[in-house]
Amino acid sequence: MRQLGRDLGINLHTVNKAYKVLEDEGYLKVVKRKGAIVGKPPQYDRPYLEQLENELSALYIDACSHGVTAPLFIQAAQNATRADSDIPEAVSEPEDPESTIQNAESIRSSSQKGA
């Protein structure tokens, strides 16, 4: 990893975070002192994805009843799934970050009440 960081001219911490994301997503298996093994990402099953979409729809309807807009809901979902805040996101910052945090916390507490 150190050599990769040097070769690419990036910080070792950044390389470690990238490896962690790839490992979490199933693309790599990292074995300490031996390296990384490239693997296939885990396959999802269609019925589970449909169930997930139904649950997200219900959560979105609940979020809307609390004043959360679609862009804020999407931002909250991205915040909840972000592997690490050091990894840049491909979305722009919301105009009011504090509001987004409050809405994300509201969505999280609502979903926990329903669980």
PDB file of N, CA and C in Angstrom:
ATOM      1  N   MET A   1       0.819  -1.189   0.000  1.00  0.00           N
ATOM      2  CA  MET A   1       0.000   0.000   0.000  1.00  0.00           C
ATOM      3  C   MET A   1       0.866   1.257   0.000  1.00  0.00           C
ATOM      4  N   ARG A   2       1.959   1.193   0.736  1.00  0.00           N
ATOM      5  CA  ARG A   2       2.856   2.359   0.758  1.00  0.00           C
ATOM      6  C   ARG A   2       3.371   2.671  -0.643  1.00  0.00           C
ATOM      7  N   GLN A   3       3.775   1.612  -1.355  1.00  0.00           N
ATOM      8  CA  GLN A   3       4.305   1.812  -2.704  1.00  0.00           C
ATOM      9  C   GLN A   3       3.234   2.382  -3.627  1.00  0.00           C
ATOM     10  N   LEU A   4       2.013   1.908  -3.503  1.00  0.00           N
ATOM     11  CA  LEU A   4       0.926   2.429  -4.327  1.00  0.00           C
ATOM     12  C   LEU A   4       0.720   3.912  -4.055  1.00  0.00           C
ATOM     13  N   GLY A   5       0.747   4.284  -2.781  1.00  0.00           N
ATOM     14  CA  GLY A   5       0.620   5.695  -2.420  1.00  0.00           C
ATOM     15  C   GLY A   5       1.725   6.533  -3.032  1.00  0.00           C
ATOM     16  N   ARG A   6       2.957   6.014  -2.961  1.00  0.00           N
ATOM     17  CA  ARG A   6       4.088   6.739  -3.563  1.00  0.00           C
ATOM     18  C   ARG A   6       3.929   6.828  -5.079  1.00  0.00           C
ATOM     19  N   ASP A   7       3.567   5.711  -5.702  1.00  0.00           N
ATOM     20  CA  ASP A   7       3.417   5.686  -7.160  1.00  0.00           C
ATOM     21  C   ASP A   7       2.350   6.669  -7.642  1.00  0.00           C
ATOM     22  N   LEU A   8       1.271   6.762  -6.883  1.00  0.00           N
ATOM     23  CA  LEU A   8       0.174   7.648  -7.284  1.00  0.00           C
ATOM     24  C   LEU A   8       0.312   9.054  -6.717  1.00  0.00           C
ATOM     25  N   GLY A   9       1.261   9.227  -5.806  1.00  0.00           N
ATOM     26  CA  GLY A   9       1.454  10.536  -5.192  1.00  0.00           C
ATOM     27  C   GLY A   9       0.337  10.921  -4.246  1.00  0.00           C
ATOM     28  N   ILE A  10      -0.211   9.910  -3.544  1.00  0.00           N
ATOM     29  CA  ILE A  10      -1.281  10.186  -2.586  1.00  0.00           C
ATOM     30  C   ILE A  10      -0.900   9.659  -1.209  1.00  0.00           C
ATOM     31  N   ASN A  11      -1.576  10.171  -0.214  1.00  0.00           N
ATOM     32  CA  ASN A  11      -1.332   9.838   1.177  1.00  0.00           C
ATOM     33  C   ASN A  11      -1.655   8.369   1.453  1.00  0.00           C
ATOM     34  N   LEU A  12      -0.863   7.727   2.304  1.00  0.00           N
ATOM     35  CA  LEU A  12      -1.093   6.335   2.682  1.00  0.00           C
ATOM     36  C   LEU A  12      -2.478   6.156   3.305  1.00  0.00           C
ATOM     37  N   HIS A  13      -2.916   7.133   4.086  1.00  0.00           N
ATOM     38  CA  HIS A  13      -4.242   7.085   4.708  1.00  0.00           C
ATOM     39  C   HIS A  13      -5.328   6.978   3.634  1.00  0.00           C
ATOM     40  N   THR A  14      -5.173   7.718   2.553  1.00  0.00           N
ATOM     41  CA  THR A  14      -6.139   7.685   1.454  1.00  0.00           C
ATOM     42  C   THR A  14      -6.144   6.316   0.783  1.00  0.00           C
ATOM     43  N   VAL A  15      -4.975   5.741   0.581  1.00  0.00           N
ATOM     44  CA  VAL A  15      -4.879   4.400  -0.010  1.00  0.00           C
ATOM     45  C   VAL A  15      -5.572   3.388   0.900  1.00  0.00           C
ATOM     46  N   ASN A  16      -5.320   3.465   2.200  1.00  0.00           N
ATOM     47  CA  ASN A  16      -5.960   2.548   3.152  1.00  0.00           C
ATOM     48  C   ASN A  16      -7.473   2.662   3.102  1.00  0.00           C
ATOM     49  N   LYS A  17      -7.984   3.896   3.029  1.00  0.00           N
ATOM     50  CA  LYS A  17      -9.435   4.105   2.969  1.00  0.00           C
ATOM     51  C   LYS A  17     -10.011   3.504   1.689  1.00  0.00           C
ATOM     52  N   ALA A  18      -9.315   3.688   0.576  1.00  0.00           N
ATOM     53  CA  ALA A  18      -9.785   3.128  -0.698  1.00  0.00           C
ATOM     54  C   ALA A  18      -9.822   1.602  -0.628  1.00  0.00           C
ATOM     55  N   TYR A  19      -8.778   1.001  -0.068  1.00  0.00           N
ATOM     56  CA  TYR A  19      -8.752  -0.454   0.094  1.00  0.00           C
ATOM     57  C   TYR A  19      -9.907  -0.912   0.981  1.00  0.00           C
ATOM     58  N   LYS A  20     -10.191  -0.167   2.039  1.00  0.00           N
ATOM     59  CA  LYS A  20     -11.274  -0.520   2.963  1.00  0.00           C
ATOM     60  C   LYS A  20     -12.620  -0.499   2.243  1.00  0.00           C
ATOM     61  N   VAL A  21     -12.846   0.528   1.434  1.00  0.00           N
ATOM     62  CA  VAL A  21     -14.096   0.614   0.674  1.00  0.00           C
ATOM     63  C   VAL A  21     -14.213  -0.576  -0.276  1.00  0.00           C
ATOM     64  N   LEU A  22     -13.144  -0.874  -1.003  1.00  0.00           N
ATOM     65  CA  LEU A  22     -13.162  -2.009  -1.930  1.00  0.00           C
ATOM     66  C   LEU A  22     -13.383  -3.331  -1.197  1.00  0.00           C
ATOM     67  N   GLU A  23     -12.806  -3.449  -0.013  1.00  0.00           N
ATOM     68  CA  GLU A  23     -13.003  -4.667   0.781  1.00  0.00           C
ATOM     69  C   GLU A  23     -14.443  -4.752   1.283  1.00  0.00           C
ATOM     70  N   ASP A  24     -14.970  -3.637   1.787  1.00  0.00           N
ATOM     71  CA  ASP A  24     -16.352  -3.613   2.283  1.00  0.00           C
ATOM     72  C   ASP A  24     -17.359  -3.966   1.191  1.00  0.00           C
ATOM     73  N   GLU A  25     -17.051  -3.585  -0.042  1.00  0.00           N
ATOM     74  CA  GLU A  25     -17.965  -3.847  -1.155  1.00  0.00           C
ATOM     75  C   GLU A  25     -17.727  -5.212  -1.797  1.00  0.00           C
ATOM     76  N   GLY A  26     -16.756  -5.963  -1.280  1.00  0.00           N
ATOM     77  CA  GLY A  26     -16.529  -7.319  -1.753  1.00  0.00           C
ATOM     78  C   GLY A  26     -15.590  -7.452  -2.936  1.00  0.00           C
ATOM     79  N   TYR A  27     -14.957  -6.357  -3.347  1.00  0.00           N
ATOM     80  CA  TYR A  27     -14.042  -6.418  -4.487  1.00  0.00           C
ATOM     81  C   TYR A  27     -12.661  -6.941  -4.101  1.00  0.00           C
ATOM     82  N   LEU A  28     -12.276  -6.776  -2.842  1.00  0.00           N
ATOM     83  CA  LEU A  28     -10.958  -7.199  -2.363  1.00  0.00           C
ATOM     84  C   LEU A  28     -11.087  -7.971  -1.065  1.00  0.00           C
ATOM     85  N   LYS A  29     -10.117  -8.851  -0.851  1.00  0.00           N
ATOM     86  CA  LYS A  29      -9.946  -9.464   0.463  1.00  0.00           C
ATOM     87  C   LYS A  29      -8.510  -9.152   0.844  1.00  0.00           C
ATOM     88  N   VAL A  30      -8.341  -8.364   1.905  1.00  0.00           N
ATOM     89  CA  VAL A  30      -7.010  -7.943   2.327  1.00  0.00           C
ATOM     90  C   VAL A  30      -6.515  -8.890   3.408  1.00  0.00           C
ATOM     91  N   VAL A  31      -5.319  -9.455   3.177  1.00  0.00           N
ATOM     92  CA  VAL A  31      -4.676 -10.347   4.136  1.00  0.00           C
ATOM     93  C   VAL A  31      -3.415  -9.638   4.608  1.00  0.00           C
ATOM     94  N   LYS A  32      -3.365  -9.328   5.916  1.00  0.00           N
ATOM     95  CA  LYS A  32      -2.219  -8.587   6.447  1.00  0.00           C
ATOM     96  C   LYS A  32      -0.912  -9.294   6.129  1.00  0.00           C
ATOM     97  N   ARG A  33       0.057  -8.504   5.726  1.00  0.00           N
ATOM     98  CA  ARG A  33       1.413  -8.946   5.394  1.00  0.00           C
ATOM     99  C   ARG A  33       1.496  -9.840   4.157  1.00  0.00           C
ATOM    100  N   LYS A  34       0.352 -10.071   3.502  1.00  0.00           N
ATOM    101  CA  LYS A  34       0.371 -10.903   2.296  1.00  0.00           C
ATOM    102  C   LYS A  34      -0.161 -10.148   1.085  1.00  0.00           C
ATOM    103  N   GLY A  35      -0.987  -9.150   1.294  1.00  0.00           N
ATOM    104  CA  GLY A  35      -1.512  -8.385   0.170  1.00  0.00           C
ATOM    105  C   GLY A  35      -3.017  -8.470   0.052  1.00  0.00           C
ATOM    106  N   ALA A  36      -3.493  -8.151  -1.134  1.00  0.00           N
ATOM    107  CA  ALA A  36      -4.927  -8.126  -1.395  1.00  0.00           C
ATOM    108  C   ALA A  36      -5.260  -9.086  -2.527  1.00  0.00           C
ATOM    109  N   ILE A  37      -6.384  -9.753  -2.382  1.00  0.00           N
ATOM    110  CA  ILE A  37      -6.862 -10.681  -3.396  1.00  0.00           C
ATOM    111  C   ILE A  37      -8.111 -10.071  -4.018  1.00  0.00           C
ATOM    112  N   VAL A  38      -8.119  -9.966  -5.331  1.00  0.00           N
ATOM    113  CA  VAL A  38      -9.270  -9.401  -6.032  1.00  0.00           C
ATOM    114  C   VAL A  38     -10.347 -10.463  -6.133  1.00  0.00           C
ATOM    115  N   GLY A  39     -11.567 -10.086  -5.820  1.00  0.00           N
ATOM    116  CA  GLY A  39     -12.680 -11.014  -5.886  1.00  0.00           C
ATOM    117  C   GLY A  39     -13.876 -10.388  -6.566  1.00  0.00           C
ATOM    118  N   LYS A  40     -14.889 -11.195  -6.782  1.00  0.00           N
ATOM    119  CA  LYS A  40     -16.125 -10.699  -7.371  1.00  0.00           C
ATOM    120  C   LYS A  40     -16.974 -10.084  -6.264  1.00  0.00           C
ATOM    121  N   PRO A  41     -17.666  -8.987  -6.568  1.00  0.00           N
ATOM    122  CA  PRO A  41     -18.551  -8.418  -5.552  1.00  0.00           C
ATOM    123  C   PRO A  41     -19.717  -9.368  -5.294  1.00  0.00           C
ATOM    124  N   PRO A  42     -20.253  -9.346  -4.081  1.00  0.00           N
ATOM    125  CA  PRO A  42     -21.392 -10.213  -3.795  1.00  0.00           C
ATOM    126  C   PRO A  42     -22.582  -9.832  -4.673  1.00  0.00           C
ATOM    127  N   GLN A  43     -23.334 -10.822  -5.104  1.00  0.00           N
ATOM    128  CA  GLN A  43     -24.502 -10.584  -5.948  1.00  0.00           C
ATOM    129  C   GLN A  43     -25.739 -10.394  -5.073  1.00  0.00           C
ATOM    130  N   TYR A  44     -26.553  -9.430  -5.423  1.00  0.00           N
ATOM    131  CA  TYR A  44     -27.796  -9.216  -4.686  1.00  0.00           C
ATOM    132  C   TYR A  44     -28.884 -10.082  -5.292  1.00  0.00           C
ATOM    133  N   ASP A  45     -29.903 -10.341  -4.497  1.00  0.00           N
ATOM    134  CA  ASP A  45     -31.028 -11.077  -5.065  1.00  0.00           C
ATOM    135  C   ASP A  45     -32.185 -10.111  -5.301  1.00  0.00           C
ATOM    136  N   ARG A  46     -32.878 -10.330  -6.388  1.00  0.00           N
ATOM    137  CA  ARG A  46     -33.942  -9.425  -6.839  1.00  0.00           C
ATOM    138  C   ARG A  46     -35.054  -9.259  -5.797  1.00  0.00           C
ATOM    139  N   PRO A  47     -35.550 -10.333  -5.175  1.00  0.00           N
ATOM    140  CA  PRO A  47     -36.616 -10.151  -4.180  1.00  0.00           C
ATOM    141  C   PRO A  47     -36.191  -9.231  -3.030  1.00  0.00           C
ATOM    142  N   TYR A  48     -34.942  -9.357  -2.598  1.00  0.00           N
ATOM    143  CA  TYR A  48     -34.476  -8.489  -1.519  1.00  0.00           C
ATOM    144  C   TYR A  48     -34.456  -7.039  -1.972  1.00  0.00           C
ATOM    145  N   LEU A  49     -34.002  -6.791  -3.197  1.00  0.00           N
ATOM    146  CA  LEU A  49     -33.960  -5.427  -3.715  1.00  0.00           C
ATOM    147  C   LEU A  49     -35.367  -4.831  -3.780  1.00  0.00           C
ATOM    148  N   GLU A  50     -36.344  -5.622  -4.201  1.00  0.00           N
ATOM    149  CA  GLU A  50     -37.727  -5.144  -4.244  1.00  0.00           C
ATOM    150  C   GLU A  50     -38.228  -4.819  -2.840  1.00  0.00           C
ATOM    151  N   GLN A  51     -37.910  -5.660  -1.866  1.00  0.00           N
ATOM    152  CA  GLN A  51     -38.297  -5.405  -0.478  1.00  0.00           C
ATOM    153  C   GLN A  51     -37.644  -4.120   0.019  1.00  0.00           C
ATOM    154  N   LEU A  52     -36.372  -3.940  -0.303  1.00  0.00           N
ATOM    155  CA  LEU A  52     -35.649  -2.742   0.100  1.00  0.00           C
ATOM    156  C   LEU A  52     -36.298  -1.492  -0.488  1.00  0.00           C
ATOM    157  N   GLU A  53     -36.668  -1.545  -1.766  1.00  0.00           N
ATOM    158  CA  GLU A  53     -37.323  -0.405  -2.404  1.00  0.00           C
ATOM    159  C   GLU A  53     -38.650  -0.081  -1.729  1.00  0.00           C
ATOM    160  N   ASN A  54     -39.416  -1.100  -1.350  1.00  0.00           N
ATOM    161  CA  ASN A  54     -40.681  -0.877  -0.649  1.00  0.00           C
ATOM    162  C   ASN A  54     -40.451  -0.211   0.706  1.00  0.00           C
ATOM    163  N   GLU A  55     -39.441  -0.678   1.430  1.00  0.00           N
ATOM    164  CA  GLU A  55     -39.132  -0.088   2.732  1.00  0.00           C
ATOM    165  C   GLU A  55     -38.646   1.347   2.589  1.00  0.00           C
ATOM    166  N   LEU A  56     -37.843   1.608   1.565  1.00  0.00           N
ATOM    167  CA  LEU A  56     -37.378   2.979   1.325  1.00  0.00           C
ATOM    168  C   LEU A  56     -38.535   3.891   0.942  1.00  0.00           C
ATOM    169  N   SER A  57     -39.486   3.377   0.177  1.00  0.00           N
ATOM    170  CA  SER A  57     -40.661   4.174  -0.189  1.00  0.00           C
ATOM    171  C   SER A  57     -41.443   4.573   1.053  1.00  0.00           C
ATOM    172  N   ALA A  58     -41.640   3.624   1.954  1.00  0.00           N
ATOM    173  CA  ALA A  58     -42.358   3.926   3.196  1.00  0.00           C
ATOM    174  C   ALA A  58     -41.589   4.937   4.037  1.00  0.00           C
ATOM    175  N   LEU A  59     -40.283   4.785   4.103  1.00  0.00           N
ATOM    176  CA  LEU A  59     -39.452   5.719   4.856  1.00  0.00           C
ATOM    177  C   LEU A  59     -39.497   7.110   4.230  1.00  0.00           C
ATOM    178  N   TYR A  60     -39.491   7.172   2.898  1.00  0.00           N
ATOM    179  CA  TYR A  60     -39.558   8.455   2.203  1.00  0.00           C
ATOM    180  C   TYR A  60     -40.888   9.158   2.478  1.00  0.00           C
ATOM    181  N   ILE A  61     -41.980   8.417   2.455  1.00  0.00           N
ATOM    182  CA  ILE A  61     -43.295   9.004   2.749  1.00  0.00           C
ATOM    183  C   ILE A  61     -43.296   9.575   4.161  1.00  0.00           C
ATOM    184  N   ASP A  62     -42.742   8.833   5.101  1.00  0.00           N
ATOM    185  CA  ASP A  62     -42.648   9.321   6.479  1.00  0.00           C
ATOM    186  C   ASP A  62     -41.775  10.570   6.553  1.00  0.00           C
ATOM    187  N   ALA A  63     -40.653  10.559   5.845  1.00  0.00           N
ATOM    188  CA  ALA A  63     -39.747  11.717   5.845  1.00  0.00           C
ATOM    189  C   ALA A  63     -40.447  12.950   5.280  1.00  0.00           C
ATOM    190  N   CYS A  64     -41.229  12.762   4.222  1.00  0.00           N
ATOM    191  CA  CYS A  64     -41.967  13.888   3.630  1.00  0.00           C
ATOM    192  C   CYS A  64     -42.935  14.494   4.634  1.00  0.00           C
ATOM    193  N   SER A  65     -43.540  13.658   5.470  1.00  0.00           N
ATOM    194  CA  SER A  65     -44.480  14.174   6.468  1.00  0.00           C
ATOM    195  C   SER A  65     -43.773  14.996   7.540  1.00  0.00           C
ATOM    196  N   HIS A  66     -42.439  14.901   7.587  1.00  0.00           N
ATOM    197  CA  HIS A  66     -41.640  15.701   8.518  1.00  0.00           C
ATOM    198  C   HIS A  66     -40.942  16.857   7.805  1.00  0.00           C
ATOM    199  N   GLY A  67     -41.356  17.140   6.577  1.00  0.00           N
ATOM    200  CA  GLY A  67     -40.811  18.277   5.850  1.00  0.00           C
ATOM    201  C   GLY A  67     -39.535  18.016   5.084  1.00  0.00           C
ATOM    202  N   VAL A  68     -39.146  16.764   4.956  1.00  0.00           N
ATOM    203  CA  VAL A  68     -37.912  16.427   4.240  1.00  0.00           C
ATOM    204  C   VAL A  68     -38.219  16.358   2.742  1.00  0.00           C
ATOM    205  N   THR A  69     -37.461  17.103   1.951  1.00  0.00           N
ATOM    206  CA  THR A  69     -37.630  17.092   0.499  1.00  0.00           C
ATOM    207  C   THR A  69     -36.862  15.918  -0.107  1.00  0.00           C
ATOM    208  N   ALA A  70     -37.146  15.628  -1.369  1.00  0.00           N
ATOM    209  CA  ALA A  70     -36.455  14.525  -2.050  1.00  0.00           C
ATOM    210  C   ALA A  70     -34.938  14.714  -2.056  1.00  0.00           C
ATOM    211  N   PRO A  71     -34.424  15.921  -2.400  1.00  0.00           N
ATOM    212  CA  PRO A  71     -32.963  16.083  -2.370  1.00  0.00           C
ATOM    213  C   PRO A  71     -32.364  15.873  -0.977  1.00  0.00           C
ATOM    214  N   LEU A  72     -33.063  16.321   0.065  1.00  0.00           N
ATOM    215  CA  LEU A  72     -32.558  16.113   1.427  1.00  0.00           C
ATOM    216  C   LEU A  72     -32.596  14.635   1.809  1.00  0.00           C
ATOM    217  N   PHE A  73     -33.640  13.941   1.367  1.00  0.00           N
ATOM    218  CA  PHE A  73     -33.744  12.508   1.640  1.00  0.00           C
ATOM    219  C   PHE A  73     -32.586  11.762   0.978  1.00  0.00           C
ATOM    220  N   ILE A  74     -32.309  12.109  -0.265  1.00  0.00           N
ATOM    221  CA  ILE A  74     -31.202  11.476  -0.990  1.00  0.00           C
ATOM    222  C   ILE A  74     -29.876  11.791  -0.306  1.00  0.00           C
ATOM    223  N   GLN A  75     -29.698  13.055   0.102  1.00  0.00           N
ATOM    224  CA  GLN A  75     -28.461  13.445   0.789  1.00  0.00           C
ATOM    225  C   GLN A  75     -28.313  12.674   2.106  1.00  0.00           C
ATOM    226  N   ALA A  76     -29.412  12.533   2.844  1.00  0.00           N
ATOM    227  CA  ALA A  76     -29.366  11.793   4.109  1.00  0.00           C
ATOM    228  C   ALA A  76     -29.002  10.328   3.863  1.00  0.00           C
ATOM    229  N   ALA A  77     -29.547   9.740   2.798  1.00  0.00           N
ATOM    230  CA  ALA A  77     -29.222   8.349   2.465  1.00  0.00           C
ATOM    231  C   ALA A  77     -27.746   8.217   2.096  1.00  0.00           C
ATOM    232  N   GLN A  78     -27.241   9.177   1.344  1.00  0.00           N
ATOM    233  CA  GLN A  78     -25.823   9.140   0.991  1.00  0.00           C
ATOM    234  C   GLN A  78     -24.957   9.305   2.232  1.00  0.00           C
ATOM    235  N   ASN A  79     -25.359  10.197   3.133  1.00  0.00           N
ATOM    236  CA  ASN A  79     -24.602  10.382   4.373  1.00  0.00           C
ATOM    237  C   ASN A  79     -24.598   9.100   5.196  1.00  0.00           C
ATOM    238  N   ALA A  80     -25.723   8.404   5.221  1.00  0.00           N
ATOM    239  CA  ALA A  80     -25.834   7.181   6.014  1.00  0.00           C
ATOM    240  C   ALA A  80     -24.998   6.045   5.438  1.00  0.00           C
ATOM    241  N   THR A  81     -24.765   6.066   4.136  1.00  0.00           N
ATOM    242  CA  THR A  81     -24.027   4.969   3.515  1.00  0.00           C
ATOM    243  C   THR A  81     -22.584   5.317   3.191  1.00  0.00           C
ATOM    244  N   ARG A  82     -22.185   6.526   3.462  1.00  0.00           N
ATOM    245  CA  ARG A  82     -20.817   6.953   3.150  1.00  0.00           C
ATOM    246  C   ARG A  82     -19.833   6.146   3.987  1.00  0.00           C
ATOM    247  N   ALA A  83     -18.867   5.545   3.340  1.00  0.00           N
ATOM    248  CA  ALA A  83     -17.873   4.724   4.044  1.00  0.00           C
ATOM    249  C   ALA A  83     -16.984   5.576   4.928  1.00  0.00           C
ATOM    250  N   ASP A  84     -16.639   6.758   4.463  1.00  0.00           N
ATOM    251  CA  ASP A  84     -15.752   7.623   5.228  1.00  0.00           C
ATOM    252  C   ASP A  84     -15.864   9.038   4.697  1.00  0.00           C
ATOM    253  N   SER A  85     -15.861  10.000   5.581  1.00  0.00           N
ATOM    254  CA  SER A  85     -16.008  11.388   5.150  1.00  0.00           C
ATOM    255  C   SER A  85     -14.789  11.895   4.392  1.00  0.00           C
ATOM    256  N   ASP A  86     -13.656  11.175   4.436  1.00  0.00           N
ATOM    257  CA  ASP A  86     -12.471  11.582   3.680  1.00  0.00           C
ATOM    258  C   ASP A  86     -12.605  11.280   2.193  1.00  0.00           C
ATOM    259  N   ILE A  87     -13.554  10.418   1.835  1.00  0.00           N
ATOM    260  CA  ILE A  87     -13.735  10.061   0.435  1.00  0.00           C
ATOM    261  C   ILE A  87     -14.677  11.081  -0.192  1.00  0.00           C
ATOM    262  N   PRO A  88     -14.239  11.812  -1.219  1.00  0.00           N
ATOM    263  CA  PRO A  88     -15.092  12.844  -1.803  1.00  0.00           C
ATOM    264  C   PRO A  88     -16.338  12.255  -2.430  1.00  0.00           C
ATOM    265  N   GLU A  89     -17.438  12.944  -2.273  1.00  0.00           N
ATOM    266  CA  GLU A  89     -18.705  12.537  -2.854  1.00  0.00           C
ATOM    267  C   GLU A  89     -18.901  13.234  -4.190  1.00  0.00           C
ATOM    268  N   ALA A  90     -19.677  12.634  -5.055  1.00  0.00           N
ATOM    269  CA  ALA A  90     -19.943  13.211  -6.370  1.00  0.00           C
ATOM    270  C   ALA A  90     -21.156  14.129  -6.342  1.00  0.00           C
ATOM    271  N   VAL A  91     -21.615  14.492  -5.150  1.00  0.00           N
ATOM    272  CA  VAL A  91     -22.749  15.408  -5.041  1.00  0.00           C
ATOM    273  C   VAL A  91     -22.274  16.696  -4.413  1.00  0.00           C
ATOM    274  N   SER A  92     -22.998  17.760  -4.698  1.00  0.00           N
ATOM    275  CA  SER A  92     -22.621  19.046  -4.127  1.00  0.00           C
ATOM    276  C   SER A  92     -23.118  19.142  -2.695  1.00  0.00           C
ATOM    277  N   GLU A  93     -22.507  20.023  -1.947  1.00  0.00           N
ATOM    278  CA  GLU A  93     -22.922  20.244  -0.568  1.00  0.00           C
ATOM    279  C   GLU A  93     -24.305  20.887  -0.547  1.00  0.00           C
ATOM    280  N   PRO A  94     -25.170  20.502   0.390  1.00  0.00           N
ATOM    281  CA  PRO A  94     -26.467  21.157   0.497  1.00  0.00           C
ATOM    282  C   PRO A  94     -26.275  22.601   0.944  1.00  0.00           C
ATOM    283  N   GLU A  95     -27.272  23.436   0.664  1.00  0.00           N
ATOM    284  CA  GLU A  95     -27.152  24.843   1.017  1.00  0.00           C
ATOM    285  C   GLU A  95     -27.090  25.036   2.527  1.00  0.00           C
ATOM    286  N   ASP A  96     -27.805  24.205   3.275  1.00  0.00           N
ATOM    287  CA  ASP A  96     -27.845  24.345   4.725  1.00  0.00           C
ATOM    288  C   ASP A  96     -27.445  23.012   5.365  1.00  0.00           C
ATOM    289  N   PRO A  97     -26.143  22.785   5.598  1.00  0.00           N
ATOM    290  CA  PRO A  97     -25.699  21.497   6.145  1.00  0.00           C
ATOM    291  C   PRO A  97     -26.326  21.158   7.494  1.00  0.00           C
ATOM    292  N   GLU A  98     -26.532  22.145   8.361  1.00  0.00           N
ATOM    293  CA  GLU A  98     -27.123  21.886   9.676  1.00  0.00           C
ATOM    294  C   GLU A  98     -28.531  21.324   9.529  1.00  0.00           C
ATOM    295  N   SER A  99     -29.285  21.884   8.593  1.00  0.00           N
ATOM    296  CA  SER A  99     -30.634  21.394   8.336  1.00  0.00           C
ATOM    297  C   SER A  99     -30.605  19.951   7.845  1.00  0.00           C
ATOM    298  N   THR A 100     -29.654  19.632   6.985  1.00  0.00           N
ATOM    299  CA  THR A 100     -29.524  18.271   6.471  1.00  0.00           C
ATOM    300  C   THR A 100     -29.217  17.295   7.597  1.00  0.00           C
ATOM    301  N   ILE A 101     -28.341  17.689   8.503  1.00  0.00           N
ATOM    302  CA  ILE A 101     -27.995  16.833   9.642  1.00  0.00           C
ATOM    303  C   ILE A 101     -29.223  16.593  10.509  1.00  0.00           C
ATOM    304  N   GLN A 102     -29.975  17.668  10.788  1.00  0.00           N
ATOM    305  CA  GLN A 102     -31.179  17.522  11.607  1.00  0.00           C
ATOM    306  C   GLN A 102     -32.192  16.616  10.920  1.00  0.00           C
ATOM    307  N   ASN A 103     -32.350  16.786   9.609  1.00  0.00           N
ATOM    308  CA  ASN A 103     -33.292  15.943   8.879  1.00  0.00           C
ATOM    309  C   ASN A 103     -32.833  14.495   8.847  1.00  0.00           C
ATOM    310  N   ALA A 104     -31.540  14.270   8.676  1.00  0.00           N
ATOM    311  CA  ALA A 104     -31.017  12.900   8.673  1.00  0.00           C
ATOM    312  C   ALA A 104     -31.250  12.238  10.027  1.00  0.00           C
ATOM    313  N   GLU A 105     -31.033  12.996  11.104  1.00  0.00           N
ATOM    314  CA  GLU A 105     -31.270  12.449  12.445  1.00  0.00           C
ATOM    315  C   GLU A 105     -32.749  12.150  12.645  1.00  0.00           C
ATOM    316  N   SER A 106     -33.608  13.014  12.118  1.00  0.00           N
ATOM    317  CA  SER A 106     -35.045  12.795  12.216  1.00  0.00           C
ATOM    318  C   SER A 106     -35.448  11.527  11.474  1.00  0.00           C
ATOM    319  N   ILE A 107     -34.902  11.357  10.266  1.00  0.00           N
ATOM    320  CA  ILE A 107     -35.201  10.159   9.479  1.00  0.00           C
ATOM    321  C   ILE A 107     -34.705   8.917  10.204  1.00  0.00           C
ATOM    322  N   ARG A 108     -33.493   8.992  10.755  1.00  0.00           N
ATOM    323  CA  ARG A 108     -32.921   7.843  11.461  1.00  0.00           C
ATOM    324  C   ARG A 108     -33.778   7.472  12.676  1.00  0.00           C
ATOM    325  N   SER A 109     -34.193   8.473  13.476  1.00  0.00           N
ATOM    326  CA  SER A 109     -34.984   8.160  14.668  1.00  0.00           C
ATOM    327  C   SER A 109     -36.357   7.628  14.286  1.00  0.00           C
ATOM    328  N   SER A 110     -36.935   8.144  13.191  1.00  0.00           N
ATOM    329  CA  SER A 110     -38.227   7.642  12.730  1.00  0.00           C
ATOM    330  C   SER A 110     -38.123   6.191  12.296  1.00  0.00           C
ATOM    331  N   SER A 111     -37.037   5.864  11.591  1.00  0.00           N
ATOM    332  CA  SER A 111     -36.878   4.489  11.115  1.00  0.00           C
ATOM    333  C   SER A 111     -36.612   3.541  12.277  1.00  0.00           C
ATOM    334  N   GLN A 112     -35.946   4.023  13.324  1.00  0.00           N
ATOM    335  CA  GLN A 112     -35.672   3.173  14.479  1.00  0.00           C
ATOM    336  C   GLN A 112     -36.941   2.915  15.278  1.00  0.00           C
ATOM    337  N   LYS A 113     -37.862   3.885  15.298  1.00  0.00           N
ATOM    338  CA  LYS A 113     -39.128   3.691  16.001  1.00  0.00           C
ATOM    339  C   LYS A 113     -39.966   2.622  15.322  1.00  0.00           C
ATOM    340  N   GLY A 114     -39.889   2.580  13.987  1.00  0.00           N
ATOM    341  CA  GLY A 114     -40.665   1.613  13.221  1.00  0.00           C
ATOM    342  C   GLY A 114     -40.078   0.218  13.237  1.00  0.00           C
ATOM    343  N   ALA A 115     -38.812   0.099  13.653  1.00  0.00           N
ATOM    344  CA  ALA A 115     -38.136  -1.214  13.624  1.00  0.00           C
ATOM    345  C   ALA A 115     -38.461  -2.050  14.823  1.00  0.00           C
TER     346      ALA A 115
END
